[in-house]
Amino acid sequence: MNSDTIIHNGGCHCRRVRWQVGAPTSVVAWKCNCSDCSMRGNTHFVVPRANFKLMTSSEQFLTTYTFGTHTAKHTFCKFCGITSFYVPRSNPDGVAVTVNCVDHGTLTHMEIRHADGRNWEKFFDQSGIASFSKPDEEAR
């Protein structure tokens, strides 16, 4: 984590799933139109896996859904159903954090970009999203 990185806390609605993520106070968030994200209105930011820490007691409350290529791992709380984070297809080496699941007060700014998940291959090749899960990536 670089010096601009702070610890954000967050989790699901029922608070059984809790985590911490190291990220700047200003993030680039992706609003995706893929079949899964569009149905649940997901807007997320991506961090390197090393910047994400699931609280120990949370794992027992998680379950995972996959489809298509099975690269994305859509994790959600078994009790309240909220996907507060997941492993995205675009960044299998990172974690996508749902912006609305970050506790209030630490995110000060979001630049929202469109992720064209319906035309995934074209979007992925042109977006640069893969760089967001690389440690301390500067050029975004």
Protein backbone atom coordinates (compact mmCIF):
# COMPACT_ATOMS: atom_id res chain seq x y z
CA MET A 1 0.00 0.00 0.00
CA ASN A 2 1.24 3.48 -0.79
CA SER A 3 1.07 6.55 1.46
CA ASP A 4 -2.27 7.68 -0.06
CA THR A 5 -3.88 4.43 1.05
CA ILE A 6 -6.05 4.29 4.14
CA ILE A 7 -8.02 1.46 5.71
CA HIS A 8 -11.73 1.37 4.87
CA ASN A 9 -14.04 -0.93 6.83
CA GLY A 10 -17.16 -2.47 5.40
CA GLY A 11 -19.34 -5.51 4.98
CA CYS A 12 -22.83 -6.78 4.38
CA HIS A 13 -26.23 -5.54 5.60
CA CYS A 14 -26.53 -7.88 8.60
CA ARG A 15 -22.87 -7.21 9.53
CA ARG A 16 -21.97 -10.90 9.75
CA VAL A 17 -19.51 -10.38 6.87
CA ARG A 18 -16.92 -7.74 7.74
CA TRP A 19 -13.68 -6.76 6.02
CA GLN A 20 -11.02 -4.10 5.73
CA VAL A 21 -9.60 -2.77 2.48
CA GLY A 22 -6.62 -0.55 1.84
CA ALA A 23 -7.45 2.04 -0.83
CA PRO A 24 -7.23 5.79 -1.38
CA THR A 25 -10.04 8.06 -0.15
CA SER A 26 -10.73 8.83 -3.83
CA VAL A 27 -11.36 5.78 -6.03
CA VAL A 28 -12.27 4.86 -9.58
CA ALA A 29 -15.49 2.87 -9.37
CA TRP A 30 -16.92 0.74 -12.15
CA LYS A 31 -20.64 0.56 -12.91
CA CYS A 32 -21.03 -2.66 -14.87
CA ASN A 33 -23.84 -3.69 -17.20
CA CYS A 34 -23.13 -7.45 -17.24
CA SER A 35 -26.08 -9.74 -16.50
CA ASP A 36 -25.15 -10.10 -12.81
CA CYS A 37 -24.06 -6.56 -11.95
CA SER A 38 -26.93 -4.87 -13.79
CA MET A 39 -29.52 -6.93 -11.90
CA ARG A 40 -28.08 -6.00 -8.52
CA GLY A 41 -27.01 -2.46 -9.38
CA ASN A 42 -23.39 -3.11 -8.53
CA THR A 43 -20.81 -0.32 -8.58
CA HIS A 44 -17.39 -1.40 -7.35
CA PHE A 45 -13.73 -0.44 -7.12
CA VAL A 46 -10.88 -2.90 -7.58
CA VAL A 47 -7.87 -3.38 -5.30
CA PRO A 48 -4.96 -5.82 -5.21
CA ARG A 49 -5.83 -8.96 -3.24
CA ALA A 50 -3.12 -8.09 -0.69
CA ASN A 51 -5.05 -4.89 0.17
CA PHE A 52 -8.16 -6.81 1.22
CA LYS A 53 -8.61 -8.54 4.57
CA LEU A 54 -11.68 -10.59 5.44
CA MET A 55 -12.32 -10.67 9.17
CA THR A 56 -11.78 -14.20 10.47
CA SER A 57 -15.32 -14.90 11.69
CA SER A 58 -16.85 -13.73 8.38
CA GLU A 59 -15.87 -16.67 6.20
CA GLN A 60 -18.48 -18.98 7.70
CA PHE A 61 -21.25 -16.65 6.50
CA LEU A 62 -20.13 -16.52 2.84
CA THR A 63 -21.19 -18.52 -0.17
CA THR A 64 -20.06 -18.17 -3.77
CA TYR A 65 -21.83 -18.09 -7.12
CA THR A 66 -20.10 -18.51 -10.49
CA PHE A 67 -21.36 -18.68 -14.06
CA GLY A 68 -20.08 -18.43 -17.62
CA THR A 69 -16.28 -18.72 -17.51
CA HIS A 70 -16.38 -19.30 -13.70
CA THR A 71 -13.50 -16.81 -13.36
CA ALA A 72 -15.53 -14.31 -11.33
CA LYS A 73 -16.30 -15.48 -7.81
CA HIS A 74 -19.45 -13.69 -6.67
CA THR A 75 -19.39 -14.02 -2.89
CA PHE A 76 -22.37 -13.05 -0.82
CA CYS A 77 -23.68 -13.34 2.73
CA LYS A 78 -25.76 -16.47 3.34
CA PHE A 79 -28.06 -14.51 5.67
CA CYS A 80 -28.78 -11.13 4.06
CA GLY A 81 -27.72 -11.90 0.47
CA ILE A 82 -25.50 -8.86 0.01
CA THR A 83 -22.43 -9.08 -2.26
CA SER A 84 -20.11 -6.66 -0.45
CA PHE A 85 -17.04 -7.88 -2.37
CA TYR A 86 -16.12 -10.44 -5.01
CA VAL A 87 -13.34 -11.56 -7.33
CA PRO A 88 -14.09 -10.03 -10.74
CA ARG A 89 -13.45 -11.67 -14.09
CA SER A 90 -11.47 -8.59 -15.14
CA ASN A 91 -9.15 -8.85 -12.12
CA PRO A 92 -8.89 -12.44 -10.87
CA ASP A 93 -5.77 -11.36 -8.93
CA GLY A 94 -7.74 -8.67 -7.08
CA VAL A 95 -10.93 -7.95 -5.20
CA ALA A 96 -13.88 -5.80 -6.28
CA VAL A 97 -15.39 -3.91 -3.35
CA THR A 98 -19.01 -2.73 -3.60
CA VAL A 99 -18.87 1.01 -2.90
CA ASN A 100 -22.18 1.06 -1.04
CA CYS A 101 -20.83 -1.55 1.38
CA VAL A 102 -17.95 0.63 2.59
CA ASP A 103 -18.74 2.13 5.99
CA HIS A 104 -19.58 5.83 5.74
CA GLY A 105 -16.92 8.45 6.26
CA THR A 106 -13.73 7.24 4.56
CA LEU A 107 -14.52 7.47 0.83
CA THR A 108 -14.45 11.13 -0.14
CA HIS A 109 -14.69 10.92 -3.93
CA MET A 110 -15.59 8.42 -6.65
CA GLU A 111 -14.99 8.69 -10.35
CA ILE A 112 -17.58 6.36 -11.87
CA ARG A 113 -16.61 4.66 -15.12
CA HIS A 114 -18.77 2.44 -17.29
CA ALA A 115 -17.79 -1.23 -17.49
CA ASP A 116 -19.34 -2.82 -20.57
CA GLY A 117 -19.73 -6.33 -19.24
CA ARG A 118 -22.17 -7.22 -22.00
CA ASN A 119 -19.33 -6.77 -24.50
CA TRP A 120 -16.70 -7.99 -22.09
CA GLU A 121 -13.79 -8.87 -24.41
CA LYS A 122 -13.88 -5.52 -26.22
CA PHE A 123 -14.29 -3.61 -22.95
CA PHE A 124 -11.48 -5.50 -21.23
CA ASP A 125 -9.01 -4.91 -24.06
CA GLN A 126 -9.68 -1.15 -24.14
CA SER A 127 -10.40 -0.24 -20.50
CA GLY A 128 -7.16 -0.77 -18.60
CA ILE A 129 -9.19 -2.25 -15.73
CA ALA A 130 -6.66 -5.08 -15.27
CA SER A 131 -4.14 -2.55 -13.89
CA PHE A 132 -6.36 -1.78 -10.88
CA SER A 133 -5.46 -5.03 -9.12
CA LYS A 134 -1.73 -4.45 -9.50
CA PRO A 135 0.07 -3.14 -6.40
CA ASP A 136 0.61 0.62 -6.33
CA GLU A 137 -0.36 1.07 -9.95
CA GLU A 138 0.04 4.75 -10.84
CA ALA A 139 -1.13 4.97 -14.47
CA ARG A 140 -4.89 4.59 -14.46
